[in-house]
C-alpha cells in the first residue's frame, strides 16, 4: 500500500505517516506545499524528522509553494530515503506546455524505479 496526494493531500499523508510508521510502503507527493506562497519562513516541515517512509516528491520548478532548492533542503530533514523529481516549467498544478501528456508516464516510471 502506498499513500500520497497533491498539495494539502500530500501534506496530510506525510503527517499521517510521520505518526504511524509502517502504515504504507511509500509516499507519492505531488506539489508538496512547503510553505504558503511568498512566505518562505513559514515552513511546513515540523513532522519531517519523524517520517520513516520512503517518499517521492514531484514538484514544479515554478511552484509558488516552494522552490526546488527549498524543497531539496527540506528533504534533508527526512531520515527515510527520498527523491525529488523536478517538473521543469510547471507550477503548483504540475502542468506546462512541456509536460502535456508526458508527465503521467514519467511519474509512473520514476515511481517504479524509486520503489523497486
PDB file of N, CA and C in Angstrom:
ATOM      1  N   UNK A   1       0.851  -1.169   0.000  1.00  0.00           N
ATOM      2  CA  UNK A   1       0.000   0.000   0.000  1.00  0.00           C
ATOM      3  C   UNK A   1       0.899   1.234   0.000  1.00  0.00           C
ATOM      4  N   UNK A   2       0.563   2.171  -0.874  1.00  0.00           N
ATOM      5  CA  UNK A   2       1.266   3.447  -0.952  1.00  0.00           C
ATOM      6  C   UNK A   2       0.261   4.553  -0.651  1.00  0.00           C
ATOM      7  N   UNK A   3       0.784   5.649  -0.115  1.00  0.00           N
ATOM      8  CA  UNK A   3      -0.065   6.790   0.203  1.00  0.00           C
ATOM      9  C   UNK A   3       0.493   8.018  -0.504  1.00  0.00           C
ATOM     10  N   UNK A   4      -0.318   9.040  -0.575  1.00  0.00           N
ATOM     11  CA  UNK A   4       0.157  10.274  -1.168  1.00  0.00           C
ATOM     12  C   UNK A   4      -0.976  11.209  -1.484  1.00  0.00           C
ATOM     13  N   UNK A   5      -0.659  12.220  -2.247  1.00  0.00           N
ATOM     14  CA  UNK A   5      -1.668  13.180  -2.635  1.00  0.00           C
ATOM     15  C   UNK A   5      -1.033  14.396  -3.260  1.00  0.00           C
ATOM     16  N   UNK A   6      -1.899  15.258  -3.745  1.00  0.00           N
ATOM     17  CA  UNK A   6      -1.471  16.517  -4.346  1.00  0.00           C
ATOM     18  C   UNK A   6      -1.644  17.631  -3.332  1.00  0.00           C
ATOM     19  N   UNK A   7      -0.635  18.452  -3.173  1.00  0.00           N
ATOM     20  CA  UNK A   7      -0.677  19.627  -2.325  1.00  0.00           C
ATOM     21  C   UNK A   7      -1.044  19.259  -0.882  1.00  0.00           C
ATOM     22  N   UNK A   8      -2.136  19.800  -0.381  1.00  0.00           N
ATOM     23  CA  UNK A   8      -2.525  19.562   1.014  1.00  0.00           C
ATOM     24  C   UNK A   8      -2.785  18.081   1.291  1.00  0.00           C
ATOM     25  N   UNK A   9      -3.270  17.354   0.297  1.00  0.00           N
ATOM     26  CA  UNK A   9      -3.468  15.911   0.466  1.00  0.00           C
ATOM     27  C   UNK A   9      -2.155  15.199   0.721  1.00  0.00           C
ATOM     28  N   UNK A  10      -1.110  15.630   0.040  1.00  0.00           N
ATOM     29  CA  UNK A  10       0.210  15.066   0.277  1.00  0.00           C
ATOM     30  C   UNK A  10       0.746  15.440   1.644  1.00  0.00           C
ATOM     31  N   UNK A  11       0.493  16.660   2.047  1.00  0.00           N
ATOM     32  CA  UNK A  11       0.936  17.093   3.387  1.00  0.00           C
ATOM     33  C   UNK A  11       0.249  16.255   4.460  1.00  0.00           C
ATOM     34  N   UNK A  12      -1.038  16.027   4.287  1.00  0.00           N
ATOM     35  CA  UNK A  12      -1.772  15.190   5.251  1.00  0.00           C
ATOM     36  C   UNK A  12      -1.206  13.772   5.283  1.00  0.00           C
ATOM     37  N   UNK A  13      -0.844  13.243   4.115  1.00  0.00           N
ATOM     38  CA  UNK A  13      -0.266  11.895   4.061  1.00  0.00           C
ATOM     39  C   UNK A  13       1.059  11.842   4.813  1.00  0.00           C
ATOM     40  N   UNK A  14       1.901  12.881   4.667  1.00  0.00           N
ATOM     41  CA  UNK A  14       3.174  12.875   5.393  1.00  0.00           C
ATOM     42  C   UNK A  14       2.946  12.975   6.896  1.00  0.00           C
ATOM     43  N   UNK A  15       1.967  13.751   7.306  1.00  0.00           N
ATOM     44  CA  UNK A  15       1.674  13.879   8.735  1.00  0.00           C
ATOM     45  C   UNK A  15       1.149  12.559   9.291  1.00  0.00           C
ATOM     46  N   UNK A  16       0.282  11.893   8.544  1.00  0.00           N
ATOM     47  CA  UNK A  16      -0.257  10.602   8.969  1.00  0.00           C
ATOM     48  C   UNK A  16       0.861   9.572   9.131  1.00  0.00           C
ATOM     49  N   UNK A  17       1.748   9.499   8.145  1.00  0.00           N
ATOM     50  CA  UNK A  17       2.814   8.500   8.213  1.00  0.00           C
ATOM     51  C   UNK A  17       3.920   8.896   9.172  1.00  0.00           C
ATOM     52  N   UNK A  18       4.063  10.174   9.463  1.00  0.00           N
ATOM     53  CA  UNK A  18       5.002  10.602  10.488  1.00  0.00           C
ATOM     54  C   UNK A  18       4.576  10.118  11.864  1.00  0.00           C
ATOM     55  N   UNK A  19       3.277   9.961  12.053  1.00  0.00           N
ATOM     56  CA  UNK A  19       2.727   9.489  13.325  1.00  0.00           C
ATOM     57  C   UNK A  19       2.460   7.983  13.348  1.00  0.00           C
ATOM     58  N   UNK A  20       2.444   7.334  12.178  1.00  0.00           N
ATOM     59  CA  UNK A  20       2.080   5.917  12.086  1.00  0.00           C
ATOM     60  C   UNK A  20       3.066   5.173  11.194  1.00  0.00           C
ATOM     61  N   UNK A  21       4.223   4.884  11.747  1.00  0.00           N
ATOM     62  CA  UNK A  21       5.266   4.193  10.996  1.00  0.00           C
ATOM     63  C   UNK A  21       4.761   2.845  10.482  1.00  0.00           C
ATOM     64  N   UNK A  22       5.084   2.548   9.239  1.00  0.00           N
ATOM     65  CA  UNK A  22       4.726   1.251   8.671  1.00  0.00           C
ATOM     66  C   UNK A  22       3.331   1.172   8.089  1.00  0.00           C
ATOM     67  N   UNK A  23       2.588   2.247   8.131  1.00  0.00           N
ATOM     68  CA  UNK A  23       1.223   2.253   7.610  1.00  0.00           C
ATOM     69  C   UNK A  23       1.197   2.083   6.095  1.00  0.00           C
ATOM     70  N   UNK A  24       2.248   2.557   5.414  1.00  0.00           N
ATOM     71  CA  UNK A  24       2.348   2.432   3.957  1.00  0.00           C
ATOM     72  C   UNK A  24       3.809   2.148   3.598  1.00  0.00           C
ATOM     73  N   UNK A  25       4.003   1.541   2.435  1.00  0.00           N
ATOM     74  CA  UNK A  25       5.353   1.215   1.978  1.00  0.00           C
ATOM     75  C   UNK A  25       6.081   2.434   1.424  1.00  0.00           C
ATOM     76  N   UNK A  26       5.321   3.436   0.997  1.00  0.00           N
ATOM     77  CA  UNK A  26       5.940   4.618   0.432  1.00  0.00           C
ATOM     78  C   UNK A  26       4.943   5.728   0.198  1.00  0.00           C
ATOM     79  N   UNK A  27       5.488   6.885  -0.150  1.00  0.00           N
ATOM     80  CA  UNK A  27       4.686   8.081  -0.387  1.00  0.00           C
ATOM     81  C   UNK A  27       4.955   8.639  -1.776  1.00  0.00           C
ATOM     82  N   UNK A  28       3.893   9.061  -2.450  1.00  0.00           N
ATOM     83  CA  UNK A  28       3.994   9.802  -3.709  1.00  0.00           C
ATOM     84  C   UNK A  28       3.369  11.164  -3.458  1.00  0.00           C
ATOM     85  N   UNK A  29       4.203  12.199  -3.468  1.00  0.00           N
ATOM     86  CA  UNK A  29       3.765  13.537  -3.088  1.00  0.00           C
ATOM     87  C   UNK A  29       3.888  14.488  -4.270  1.00  0.00           C
ATOM     88  N   UNK A  30       2.757  14.950  -4.745  1.00  0.00           N
ATOM     89  CA  UNK A  30       2.700  15.844  -5.899  1.00  0.00           C
ATOM     90  C   UNK A  30       2.520  17.275  -5.414  1.00  0.00           C
ATOM     91  N   UNK A  31       3.468  18.135  -5.717  1.00  0.00           N
ATOM     92  CA  UNK A  31       3.397  19.554  -5.349  1.00  0.00           C
ATOM     93  C   UNK A  31       3.218  19.758  -3.845  1.00  0.00           C
ATOM     94  N   UNK A  32       4.136  19.201  -3.057  1.00  0.00           N
ATOM     95  CA  UNK A  32       4.063  19.384  -1.604  1.00  0.00           C
ATOM     96  C   UNK A  32       4.082  20.877  -1.279  1.00  0.00           C
ATOM     97  N   UNK A  33       3.131  21.353  -0.473  1.00  0.00           N
ATOM     98  CA  UNK A  33       3.073  22.786  -0.137  1.00  0.00           C
ATOM     99  C   UNK A  33       4.044  23.126   0.987  1.00  0.00           C
ATOM    100  N   UNK A  34       5.302  23.318   0.627  1.00  0.00           N
ATOM    101  CA  UNK A  34       6.365  23.523   1.612  1.00  0.00           C
ATOM    102  C   UNK A  34       6.121  24.735   2.499  1.00  0.00           C
ATOM    103  N   UNK A  35       5.574  25.783   1.916  1.00  0.00           N
ATOM    104  CA  UNK A  35       5.236  26.994   2.659  1.00  0.00           C
ATOM    105  C   UNK A  35       4.148  27.735   1.885  1.00  0.00           C
ATOM    106  N   UNK A  36       3.427  28.650   2.533  1.00  0.00           N
ATOM    107  CA  UNK A  36       2.452  29.454   1.787  1.00  0.00           C
ATOM    108  C   UNK A  36       3.176  30.318   0.741  1.00  0.00           C
ATOM    109  N   UNK A  37       2.524  30.607  -0.373  1.00  0.00           N
ATOM    110  CA  UNK A  37       3.162  31.472  -1.380  1.00  0.00           C
ATOM    111  C   UNK A  37       3.645  32.796  -0.769  1.00  0.00           C
ATOM    112  N   UNK A  38       4.859  33.170  -1.138  1.00  0.00           N
ATOM    113  CA  UNK A  38       5.503  34.412  -0.694  1.00  0.00           C
ATOM    114  C   UNK A  38       5.759  34.457   0.815  1.00  0.00           C
ATOM    115  N   UNK A  39       5.733  33.297   1.485  1.00  0.00           N
ATOM    116  CA  UNK A  39       6.018  33.260   2.923  1.00  0.00           C
ATOM    117  C   UNK A  39       6.993  32.110   3.222  1.00  0.00           C
ATOM    118  N   UNK A  40       8.216  32.179   2.684  1.00  0.00           N
ATOM    119  CA  UNK A  40       9.155  31.066   2.834  1.00  0.00           C
ATOM    120  C   UNK A  40       9.603  30.787   4.267  1.00  0.00           C
ATOM    121  N   UNK A  41       9.362  31.709   5.168  1.00  0.00           N
ATOM    122  CA  UNK A  41       9.738  31.486   6.564  1.00  0.00           C
ATOM    123  C   UNK A  41       8.751  30.570   7.289  1.00  0.00           C
ATOM    124  N   UNK A  42       7.576  30.359   6.708  1.00  0.00           N
ATOM    125  CA  UNK A  42       6.541  29.536   7.348  1.00  0.00           C
ATOM    126  C   UNK A  42       6.581  28.100   6.812  1.00  0.00           C
ATOM    127  N   UNK A  43       7.708  27.425   7.030  1.00  0.00           N
ATOM    128  CA  UNK A  43       7.896  26.066   6.530  1.00  0.00           C
ATOM    129  C   UNK A  43       6.964  25.065   7.219  1.00  0.00           C
ATOM    130  N   UNK A  44       6.499  24.120   6.443  1.00  0.00           N
ATOM    131  CA  UNK A  44       5.585  23.070   6.938  1.00  0.00           C
ATOM    132  C   UNK A  44       6.354  21.749   7.007  1.00  0.00           C
ATOM    133  N   UNK A  45       7.372  21.721   7.856  1.00  0.00           N
ATOM    134  CA  UNK A  45       8.261  20.563   7.914  1.00  0.00           C
ATOM    135  C   UNK A  45       8.488  20.030   9.328  1.00  0.00           C
ATOM    136  N   UNK A  46       7.738  20.510  10.280  1.00  0.00           N
ATOM    137  CA  UNK A  46       7.962  20.120  11.674  1.00  0.00           C
ATOM    138  C   UNK A  46       7.946  18.602  11.842  1.00  0.00           C
ATOM    139  N   UNK A  47       7.119  17.905  11.085  1.00  0.00           N
ATOM    140  CA  UNK A  47       6.975  16.458  11.210  1.00  0.00           C
ATOM    141  C   UNK A  47       7.970  15.672  10.356  1.00  0.00           C
ATOM    142  N   UNK A  48       8.736  16.325   9.501  1.00  0.00           N
ATOM    143  CA  UNK A  48       9.652  15.622   8.601  1.00  0.00           C
ATOM    144  C   UNK A  48      10.647  14.714   9.341  1.00  0.00           C
ATOM    145  N   UNK A  49      11.227  15.114  10.478  1.00  0.00           N
ATOM    146  CA  UNK A  49      12.181  14.226  11.155  1.00  0.00           C
ATOM    147  C   UNK A  49      11.560  12.904  11.659  1.00  0.00           C
ATOM    148  N   UNK A  50      10.247  12.841  11.782  1.00  0.00           N
ATOM    149  CA  UNK A  50       9.581  11.619  12.214  1.00  0.00           C
ATOM    150  C   UNK A  50       9.161  10.730  11.042  1.00  0.00           C
ATOM    151  N   UNK A  51       9.407  11.159   9.833  1.00  0.00           N
ATOM    152  CA  UNK A  51       8.942  10.446   8.645  1.00  0.00           C
ATOM    153  C   UNK A  51       9.946   9.357   8.266  1.00  0.00           C
ATOM    154  N   UNK A  52       9.580   8.100   8.503  1.00  0.00           N
ATOM    155  CA  UNK A  52      10.471   6.976   8.202  1.00  0.00           C
ATOM    156  C   UNK A  52      10.030   6.212   6.955  1.00  0.00           C
ATOM    157  N   UNK A  53       9.099   6.775   6.211  1.00  0.00           N
ATOM    158  CA  UNK A  53       8.575   6.151   4.999  1.00  0.00           C
ATOM    159  C   UNK A  53       9.274   6.746   3.775  1.00  0.00           C
ATOM    160  N   UNK A  54       9.807   5.910   2.877  1.00  0.00           N
ATOM    161  CA  UNK A  54      10.410   6.442   1.656  1.00  0.00           C
ATOM    162  C   UNK A  54       9.403   7.310   0.897  1.00  0.00           C
ATOM    163  N   UNK A  55       9.893   8.404   0.322  1.00  0.00           N
ATOM    164  CA  UNK A  55       8.980   9.361  -0.305  1.00  0.00           C
ATOM    165  C   UNK A  55       9.533   9.905  -1.615  1.00  0.00           C
ATOM    166  N   UNK A  56       8.672   9.906  -2.626  1.00  0.00           N
ATOM    167  CA  UNK A  56       8.972  10.518  -3.914  1.00  0.00           C
ATOM    168  C   UNK A  56       8.188  11.816  -4.005  1.00  0.00           C
ATOM    169  N   UNK A  57       8.906  12.926  -4.139  1.00  0.00           N
ATOM    170  CA  UNK A  57       8.301  14.243  -4.279  1.00  0.00           C
ATOM    171  C   UNK A  57       8.379  14.645  -5.748  1.00  0.00           C
ATOM    172  N   UNK A  58       7.247  15.008  -6.346  1.00  0.00           N
ATOM    173  CA  UNK A  58       7.188  15.506  -7.717  1.00  0.00           C
ATOM    174  C   UNK A  58       6.797  16.977  -7.599  1.00  0.00           C
ATOM    175  N   UNK A  59       7.664  17.866  -8.134  1.00  0.00           N
ATOM    176  CA  UNK A  59       7.487  19.290  -7.851  1.00  0.00           C
ATOM    177  C   UNK A  59       7.837  20.141  -9.059  1.00  0.00           C
ATOM    178  N   UNK A  60       7.000  21.113  -9.347  1.00  0.00           N
ATOM    179  CA  UNK A  60       7.236  22.030 -10.455  1.00  0.00           C
ATOM    180  C   UNK A  60       8.289  23.067 -10.130  1.00  0.00           C
ATOM    181  N   UNK A  61       9.102  23.404 -11.117  1.00  0.00           N
ATOM    182  CA  UNK A  61      10.172  24.384 -10.904  1.00  0.00           C
ATOM    183  C   UNK A  61       9.649  25.808 -10.693  1.00  0.00           C
ATOM    184  N   UNK A  62       8.366  26.032 -10.987  1.00  0.00           N
ATOM    185  CA  UNK A  62       7.765  27.365 -10.799  1.00  0.00           C
ATOM    186  C   UNK A  62       6.671  27.347  -9.730  1.00  0.00           C
ATOM    187  N   UNK A  63       6.718  26.388  -8.830  1.00  0.00           N
ATOM    188  CA  UNK A  63       5.685  26.256  -7.796  1.00  0.00           C
ATOM    189  C   UNK A  63       5.854  27.350  -6.740  1.00  0.00           C
ATOM    190  N   UNK A  64       4.843  28.204  -6.515  1.00  0.00           N
ATOM    191  CA  UNK A  64       4.967  29.269  -5.521  1.00  0.00           C
ATOM    192  C   UNK A  64       4.936  28.765  -4.077  1.00  0.00           C
ATOM    193  N   UNK A  65       4.615  27.487  -3.876  1.00  0.00           N
ATOM    194  CA  UNK A  65       4.587  26.917  -2.527  1.00  0.00           C
ATOM    195  C   UNK A  65       5.957  26.387  -2.099  1.00  0.00           C
ATOM    196  N   UNK A  66       6.975  26.641  -2.904  1.00  0.00           N
ATOM    197  CA  UNK A  66       8.330  26.236  -2.560  1.00  0.00           C
ATOM    198  C   UNK A  66       9.155  26.021  -3.804  1.00  0.00           C
ATOM    199  N   UNK A  67      10.373  26.505  -3.764  1.00  0.00           N
ATOM    200  CA  UNK A  67      11.279  26.317  -4.898  1.00  0.00           C
ATOM    201  C   UNK A  67      11.905  24.927  -4.819  1.00  0.00           C
ATOM    202  N   UNK A  68      12.512  24.527  -5.912  1.00  0.00           N
ATOM    203  CA  UNK A  68      13.216  23.245  -5.936  1.00  0.00           C
ATOM    204  C   UNK A  68      14.330  23.256  -4.889  1.00  0.00           C
ATOM    205  N   UNK A  69      15.077  24.344  -4.798  1.00  0.00           N
ATOM    206  CA  UNK A  69      16.162  24.441  -3.819  1.00  0.00           C
ATOM    207  C   UNK A  69      15.636  24.359  -2.391  1.00  0.00           C
ATOM    208  N   UNK A  70      14.522  25.042  -2.114  1.00  0.00           N
ATOM    209  CA  UNK A  70      13.932  24.997  -0.764  1.00  0.00           C
ATOM    210  C   UNK A  70      13.470  23.582  -0.426  1.00  0.00           C
ATOM    211  N   UNK A  71      12.819  22.932  -1.369  1.00  0.00           N
ATOM    212  CA  UNK A  71      12.330  21.579  -1.115  1.00  0.00           C
ATOM    213  C   UNK A  71      13.498  20.610  -0.955  1.00  0.00           C
ATOM    214  N   UNK A  72      14.512  20.744  -1.788  1.00  0.00           N
ATOM    215  CA  UNK A  72      15.687  19.884  -1.679  1.00  0.00           C
ATOM    216  C   UNK A  72      16.316  20.006  -0.294  1.00  0.00           C
ATOM    217  N   UNK A  73      16.421  21.206   0.222  1.00  0.00           N
ATOM    218  CA  UNK A  73      16.978  21.420   1.565  1.00  0.00           C
ATOM    219  C   UNK A  73      16.084  20.799   2.637  1.00  0.00           C
ATOM    220  N   UNK A  74      14.777  20.939   2.484  1.00  0.00           N
ATOM    221  CA  UNK A  74      13.840  20.394   3.476  1.00  0.00           C
ATOM    222  C   UNK A  74      13.873  18.870   3.505  1.00  0.00           C
ATOM    223  N   UNK A  75      14.116  18.243   2.369  1.00  0.00           N
ATOM    224  CA  UNK A  75      14.131  16.780   2.319  1.00  0.00           C
ATOM    225  C   UNK A  75      15.259  16.191   3.157  1.00  0.00           C
ATOM    226  N   UNK A  76      16.269  16.979   3.423  1.00  0.00           N
ATOM    227  CA  UNK A  76      17.371  16.511   4.266  1.00  0.00           C
ATOM    228  C   UNK A  76      16.922  16.279   5.711  1.00  0.00           C
ATOM    229  N   UNK A  77      15.773  16.809   6.091  1.00  0.00           N
ATOM    230  CA  UNK A  77      15.222  16.597   7.434  1.00  0.00           C
ATOM    231  C   UNK A  77      14.578  15.213   7.583  1.00  0.00           C
ATOM    232  N   UNK A  78      14.282  14.566   6.476  1.00  0.00           N
ATOM    233  CA  UNK A  78      13.586  13.279   6.488  1.00  0.00           C
ATOM    234  C   UNK A  78      14.618  12.162   6.593  1.00  0.00           C
ATOM    235  N   UNK A  79      14.539  11.327   7.627  1.00  0.00           N
ATOM    236  CA  UNK A  79      15.514  10.250   7.770  1.00  0.00           C
ATOM    237  C   UNK A  79      15.328   9.114   6.758  1.00  0.00           C
ATOM    238  N   UNK A  80      14.165   8.993   6.177  1.00  0.00           N
ATOM    239  CA  UNK A  80      13.908   7.945   5.190  1.00  0.00           C
ATOM    240  C   UNK A  80      14.492   8.348   3.837  1.00  0.00           C
ATOM    241  N   UNK A  81      14.545   7.400   2.943  1.00  0.00           N
ATOM    242  CA  UNK A  81      15.019   7.639   1.579  1.00  0.00           C
ATOM    243  C   UNK A  81      14.023   8.531   0.857  1.00  0.00           C
ATOM    244  N   UNK A  82      14.530   9.543   0.149  1.00  0.00           N
ATOM    245  CA  UNK A  82      13.668  10.463  -0.599  1.00  0.00           C
ATOM    246  C   UNK A  82      14.233  10.676  -1.997  1.00  0.00           C
ATOM    247  N   UNK A  83      13.366  11.118  -2.871  1.00  0.00           N
ATOM    248  CA  UNK A  83      13.776  11.517  -4.224  1.00  0.00           C
ATOM    249  C   UNK A  83      12.910  12.693  -4.627  1.00  0.00           C
ATOM    250  N   UNK A  84      13.541  13.650  -5.300  1.00  0.00           N
ATOM    251  CA  UNK A  84      12.834  14.819  -5.799  1.00  0.00           C
ATOM    252  C   UNK A  84      12.852  14.773  -7.321  1.00  0.00           C
ATOM    253  N   UNK A  85      11.675  14.702  -7.916  1.00  0.00           N
ATOM    254  CA  UNK A  85      11.521  14.736  -9.369  1.00  0.00           C
ATOM    255  C   UNK A  85      11.057  16.137  -9.737  1.00  0.00           C
ATOM    256  N   UNK A  86      11.913  16.868 -10.433  1.00  0.00           N
ATOM    257  CA  UNK A  86      11.575  18.228 -10.844  1.00  0.00           C
ATOM    258  C   UNK A  86      10.822  18.203 -12.167  1.00  0.00           C
ATOM    259  N   UNK A  87       9.741  18.973 -12.228  1.00  0.00           N
ATOM    260  CA  UNK A  87       8.987  19.144 -13.466  1.00  0.00           C
ATOM    261  C   UNK A  87       9.294  20.554 -13.969  1.00  0.00           C
ATOM    262  N   UNK A  88      10.166  20.630 -14.955  1.00  0.00           N
ATOM    263  CA  UNK A  88      10.640  21.910 -15.467  1.00  0.00           C
ATOM    264  C   UNK A  88       9.496  22.743 -16.047  1.00  0.00           C
ATOM    265  N   UNK A  89       9.439  23.995 -15.614  1.00  0.00           N
ATOM    266  CA  UNK A  89       8.462  24.941 -16.130  1.00  0.00           C
ATOM    267  C   UNK A  89       7.070  24.825 -15.555  1.00  0.00           C
ATOM    268  N   UNK A  90       6.842  23.861 -14.698  1.00  0.00           N
ATOM    269  CA  UNK A  90       5.496  23.640 -14.145  1.00  0.00           C
ATOM    270  C   UNK A  90       5.305  24.403 -12.837  1.00  0.00           C
ATOM    271  N   UNK A  91       4.066  24.791 -12.603  1.00  0.00           N
ATOM    272  CA  UNK A  91       3.693  25.434 -11.347  1.00  0.00           C
ATOM    273  C   UNK A  91       3.106  24.411 -10.395  1.00  0.00           C
ATOM    274  N   UNK A  92       2.256  24.878  -9.504  1.00  0.00           N
ATOM    275  CA  UNK A  92       1.677  24.015  -8.478  1.00  0.00           C
ATOM    276  C   UNK A  92       0.761  22.935  -9.064  1.00  0.00           C
ATOM    277  N   UNK A  93       0.174  23.213 -10.218  1.00  0.00           N
ATOM    278  CA  UNK A  93      -0.719  22.219 -10.838  1.00  0.00           C
ATOM    279  C   UNK A  93       0.052  21.191 -11.675  1.00  0.00           C
ATOM    280  N   UNK A  94       1.375  21.350 -11.764  1.00  0.00           N
ATOM    281  CA  UNK A  94       2.277  20.444 -12.482  1.00  0.00           C
ATOM    282  C   UNK A  94       2.051  20.396 -13.986  1.00  0.00           C
ATOM    283  N   UNK A  95       1.359  21.377 -14.537  1.00  0.00           N
ATOM    284  CA  UNK A  95       1.153  21.374 -15.981  1.00  0.00           C
ATOM    285  C   UNK A  95       1.965  22.489 -16.619  1.00  0.00           C
ATOM    286  N   UNK A  96       2.413  22.206 -17.803  1.00  0.00           N
ATOM    287  CA  UNK A  96       3.094  23.201 -18.633  1.00  0.00           C
ATOM    288  C   UNK A  96       3.037  22.682 -20.060  1.00  0.00           C
ATOM    289  N   UNK A  97       3.406  23.516 -20.993  1.00  0.00           N
ATOM    290  CA  UNK A  97       3.412  23.084 -22.396  1.00  0.00           C
ATOM    291  C   UNK A  97       4.358  21.907 -22.589  1.00  0.00           C
ATOM    292  N   UNK A  98       5.436  21.852 -21.822  1.00  0.00           N
ATOM    293  CA  UNK A  98       6.412  20.767 -21.943  1.00  0.00           C
ATOM    294  C   UNK A  98       5.904  19.450 -21.365  1.00  0.00           C
ATOM    295  N   UNK A  99       5.033  19.514 -20.369  1.00  0.00           N
ATOM    296  CA  UNK A  99       4.595  18.290 -19.699  1.00  0.00           C
ATOM    297  C   UNK A  99       3.321  17.701 -20.287  1.00  0.00           C
ATOM    298  N   UNK A 100       2.650  18.405 -21.155  1.00  0.00           N
ATOM    299  CA  UNK A 100       1.359  17.962 -21.689  1.00  0.00           C
ATOM    300  C   UNK A 100       1.443  16.529 -22.212  1.00  0.00           C
ATOM    301  N   UNK A 101       0.745  15.630 -21.559  1.00  0.00           N
ATOM    302  CA  UNK A 101       0.665  14.238 -21.979  1.00  0.00           C
ATOM    303  C   UNK A 101       1.835  13.367 -21.568  1.00  0.00           C
ATOM    304  N   UNK A 102       2.979  13.956 -21.263  1.00  0.00           N
ATOM    305  CA  UNK A 102       4.164  13.174 -20.930  1.00  0.00           C
ATOM    306  C   UNK A 102       4.349  12.927 -19.439  1.00  0.00           C
ATOM    307  N   UNK A 103       3.796  13.781 -18.618  1.00  0.00           N
ATOM    308  CA  UNK A 103       4.082  13.714 -17.192  1.00  0.00           C
ATOM    309  C   UNK A 103       3.587  12.437 -16.512  1.00  0.00           C
ATOM    310  N   UNK A 104       2.351  11.996 -16.726  1.00  0.00           N
ATOM    311  CA  UNK A 104       1.925  10.779 -16.019  1.00  0.00           C
ATOM    312  C   UNK A 104       2.844   9.569 -16.253  1.00  0.00           C
ATOM    313  N   UNK A 105       3.225   9.260 -17.499  1.00  0.00           N
ATOM    314  CA  UNK A 105       4.135   8.119 -17.674  1.00  0.00           C
ATOM    315  C   UNK A 105       5.509   8.342 -17.025  1.00  0.00           C
ATOM    316  N   UNK A 106       5.983   9.593 -17.032  1.00  0.00           N
ATOM    317  CA  UNK A 106       7.264   9.887 -16.387  1.00  0.00           C
ATOM    318  C   UNK A 106       7.181   9.681 -14.876  1.00  0.00           C
ATOM    319  N   UNK A 107       6.077  10.101 -14.277  1.00  0.00           N
ATOM    320  CA  UNK A 107       5.898   9.894 -12.837  1.00  0.00           C
ATOM    321  C   UNK A 107       5.824   8.409 -12.531  1.00  0.00           C
ATOM    322  N   UNK A 108       5.072   7.665 -13.320  1.00  0.00           N
ATOM    323  CA  UNK A 108       4.948   6.217 -13.101  1.00  0.00           C
ATOM    324  C   UNK A 108       6.322   5.555 -13.195  1.00  0.00           C
ATOM    325  N   UNK A 109       7.108   5.895 -14.203  1.00  0.00           N
ATOM    326  CA  UNK A 109       8.431   5.293 -14.366  1.00  0.00           C
ATOM    327  C   UNK A 109       9.347   5.641 -13.201  1.00  0.00           C
ATOM    328  N   UNK A 110       9.343   6.912 -12.804  1.00  0.00           N
ATOM    329  CA  UNK A 110      10.184   7.336 -11.675  1.00  0.00           C
ATOM    330  C   UNK A 110       9.730   6.644 -10.394  1.00  0.00           C
ATOM    331  N   UNK A 111       8.433   6.516 -10.200  1.00  0.00           N
ATOM    332  CA  UNK A 111       7.877   5.820  -9.030  1.00  0.00           C
ATOM    333  C   UNK A 111       8.353   4.372  -9.021  1.00  0.00           C
ATOM    334  N   UNK A 112       8.225   3.690 -10.147  1.00  0.00           N
ATOM    335  CA  UNK A 112       8.635   2.289 -10.226  1.00  0.00           C
ATOM    336  C   UNK A 112      10.139   2.133  -9.972  1.00  0.00           C
ATOM    337  N   UNK A 113      10.932   3.003 -10.555  1.00  0.00           N
ATOM    338  CA  UNK A 113      12.375   2.941 -10.348  1.00  0.00           C
ATOM    339  C   UNK A 113      12.733   3.190  -8.877  1.00  0.00           C
ATOM    340  N   UNK A 114      12.096   4.171  -8.266  1.00  0.00           N
ATOM    341  CA  UNK A 114      12.406   4.538  -6.887  1.00  0.00           C
ATOM    342  C   UNK A 114      11.985   3.457  -5.888  1.00  0.00           C
ATOM    343  N   UNK A 115      10.836   2.855  -6.110  1.00  0.00           N
ATOM    344  CA  UNK A 115      10.312   1.892  -5.138  1.00  0.00           C
ATOM    345  C   UNK A 115      10.629   0.440  -5.470  1.00  0.00           C
ATOM    346  N   UNK A 116      11.409   0.189  -6.527  1.00  0.00           N
ATOM    347  CA  UNK A 116      11.732  -1.218  -6.827  1.00  0.00           C
ATOM    348  C   UNK A 116      13.009  -1.641  -6.167  1.00  0.00           C
TER     349      UNK A 116
END
